Amino acid sequence: MKIKHIHSFISLALVALISGCAATPEKPVETAEPAAFVSDYPTADRVEYVLNCVAQHGGLTYISQYACGCKIDKIAEKLNFTEYDTAKTFTYLSKGQTGDAGAVMRDPAQSKDLRKRLKDAEAAAEKSCFVK
């Protein structure tokens, strides 16, 4: 009896899916709403961020995976990918070197600004996405 209901449900779902795909409007519908946010972050960089974030938050759980995905989305709203990648590079290279060698990455105004913006974006995303 249950199998019959499952088959009926699957059949209805397939019909709805197929008919939804076939019914396309002839011309686009104009709306007054603003366009949705589109991120320029490559998928590989998003995945890398989420995996590192999950590792920092105790391993893979549904909660950490969801929250880390949320976190990179929130960061993407504040920094475009070029800014994010440059800030990440400045942060990485300024920590690895001391003295004059590290000063090249640590001291320029652009480096300070981008590192601060990334740090602020990550802090805001952490508060917004992780339930404490």
Protein backbone atom coordinates (compact mmCIF):
# COMPACT_ATOMS: atom_id res chain seq x y z
CA MET A 1 0.00 0.00 0.00
CA LYS A 2 2.77 2.46 0.94
CA ILE A 3 4.70 1.65 -2.23
CA LYS A 4 1.65 2.57 -4.33
CA HIS A 5 1.50 5.97 -2.61
CA ILE A 6 5.23 6.52 -3.14
CA HIS A 7 4.91 5.70 -6.84
CA SER A 8 1.95 8.08 -7.14
CA PHE A 9 3.89 10.84 -5.39
CA ILE A 10 6.96 10.33 -7.62
CA SER A 11 4.76 10.35 -10.72
CA LEU A 12 3.08 13.60 -9.69
CA ALA A 13 6.44 15.17 -8.88
CA LEU A 14 7.83 14.21 -12.29
CA VAL A 15 4.76 15.56 -14.09
CA ALA A 16 5.04 18.85 -12.19
CA LEU A 17 8.74 19.07 -12.94
CA ILE A 18 8.38 18.32 -16.63
CA SER A 19 5.42 20.65 -17.13
CA GLY A 20 7.23 23.40 -15.24
CA CYS A 21 10.23 23.08 -17.53
CA ALA A 22 8.11 23.11 -20.68
CA ALA A 23 6.10 26.16 -19.73
CA THR A 24 8.44 29.08 -20.37
CA PRO A 25 7.10 32.58 -20.87
CA GLU A 26 7.42 34.05 -24.35
CA LYS A 27 8.95 37.27 -23.10
CA PRO A 28 10.62 38.06 -19.80
CA VAL A 29 8.49 39.38 -16.99
CA GLU A 30 9.54 42.85 -15.91
CA THR A 31 9.63 43.55 -12.19
CA ALA A 32 10.41 46.66 -10.21
CA GLU A 33 12.43 44.67 -7.67
CA PRO A 34 16.22 45.07 -7.62
CA ALA A 35 18.34 42.30 -9.08
CA ALA A 36 19.47 39.58 -6.70
CA PHE A 37 23.01 39.66 -5.35
CA VAL A 38 25.40 37.76 -7.60
CA SER A 39 28.76 36.74 -6.23
CA ASP A 40 31.94 36.58 -8.29
CA TYR A 41 33.59 34.03 -5.97
CA PRO A 42 34.73 30.86 -7.75
CA THR A 43 33.19 27.66 -6.41
CA ALA A 44 36.61 26.19 -5.56
CA ASP A 45 37.42 29.17 -3.32
CA ARG A 46 34.05 28.94 -1.59
CA VAL A 47 34.55 25.22 -0.96
CA GLU A 48 38.09 25.82 0.34
CA TYR A 49 36.79 28.48 2.74
CA VAL A 50 33.98 26.25 4.00
CA LEU A 51 36.30 23.27 4.53
CA ASN A 52 38.81 25.39 6.48
CA CYS A 53 36.00 26.95 8.51
CA VAL A 54 34.50 23.53 9.31
CA ALA A 55 37.91 22.30 10.47
CA GLN A 56 38.27 25.34 12.74
CA HIS A 57 34.82 24.71 14.24
CA GLY A 58 35.36 21.13 15.34
CA GLY A 59 34.75 19.09 12.22
CA LEU A 60 31.97 18.33 9.81
CA THR A 61 28.47 18.55 11.21
CA TYR A 62 25.32 19.84 9.62
CA ILE A 63 25.52 22.94 11.82
CA SER A 64 29.15 23.76 11.02
CA GLN A 65 28.70 23.09 7.31
CA TYR A 66 25.62 25.31 7.08
CA ALA A 67 27.12 28.08 9.23
CA CYS A 68 30.40 28.09 7.30
CA GLY A 69 28.53 28.28 3.98
CA CYS A 70 26.53 31.17 5.42
CA LYS A 71 29.75 32.82 6.57
CA ILE A 72 31.38 32.91 3.12
CA ASP A 73 28.10 34.24 1.66
CA LYS A 74 28.11 37.09 4.19
CA ILE A 75 31.75 37.88 3.43
CA ALA A 76 30.96 37.89 -0.31
CA GLU A 77 28.30 40.54 0.33
CA LYS A 78 30.95 42.88 1.79
CA LEU A 79 34.02 42.15 -0.38
CA ASN A 80 34.20 41.24 -4.04
CA PHE A 81 36.44 38.29 -4.86
CA THR A 82 39.44 40.38 -5.88
CA GLU A 83 39.34 42.28 -2.59
CA TYR A 84 38.86 39.05 -0.62
CA ASP A 85 41.68 37.25 -2.40
CA THR A 86 44.06 40.21 -2.04
CA ALA A 87 43.21 40.59 1.67
CA LYS A 88 43.72 36.86 2.22
CA THR A 89 47.10 37.05 0.44
CA PHE A 90 48.21 40.09 2.45
CA THR A 91 47.17 38.36 5.68
CA TYR A 92 48.96 35.13 4.82
CA LEU A 93 52.18 36.78 3.66
CA SER A 94 52.36 39.34 6.46
CA LYS A 95 52.21 36.61 9.12
CA GLY A 96 54.93 34.47 7.61
CA GLN A 97 57.64 37.12 7.56
CA THR A 98 59.04 39.39 10.25
CA GLY A 99 61.00 42.62 9.95
CA ASP A 100 61.53 44.32 6.61
CA ALA A 101 60.52 41.28 4.57
CA GLY A 102 57.08 41.17 6.22
CA ALA A 103 56.72 44.94 6.14
CA VAL A 104 56.28 44.87 2.35
CA MET A 105 52.98 42.99 2.82
CA ARG A 106 52.03 44.30 6.26
CA ASP A 107 52.62 48.07 6.15
CA PRO A 108 51.08 49.49 2.92
CA ALA A 109 47.78 51.34 3.38
CA GLN A 110 46.03 49.01 0.90
CA SER A 111 47.15 45.99 2.92
CA LYS A 112 45.98 47.46 6.22
CA ASP A 113 42.63 48.50 4.76
CA LEU A 114 41.87 45.17 3.07
CA ARG A 115 43.01 43.08 6.06
CA LYS A 116 40.80 45.18 8.37
CA ARG A 117 37.81 44.91 6.02
CA LEU A 118 38.25 41.12 5.79
CA LYS A 119 38.60 40.81 9.57
CA ASP A 120 35.48 42.95 10.12
CA ALA A 121 33.51 40.99 7.50
CA GLU A 122 34.53 37.66 9.07
CA ALA A 123 33.61 38.88 12.57
CA ALA A 124 30.18 40.09 11.41
CA ALA A 125 29.60 36.84 9.50
CA GLU A 126 30.63 34.77 12.53
CA LYS A 127 28.07 36.59 14.69
CA SER A 128 25.36 36.33 12.03
CA CYS A 129 25.83 32.69 11.04
CA PHE A 130 26.89 30.81 14.17
CA VAL A 131 24.39 30.31 16.97
CA LYS A 132 26.08 30.61 20.35
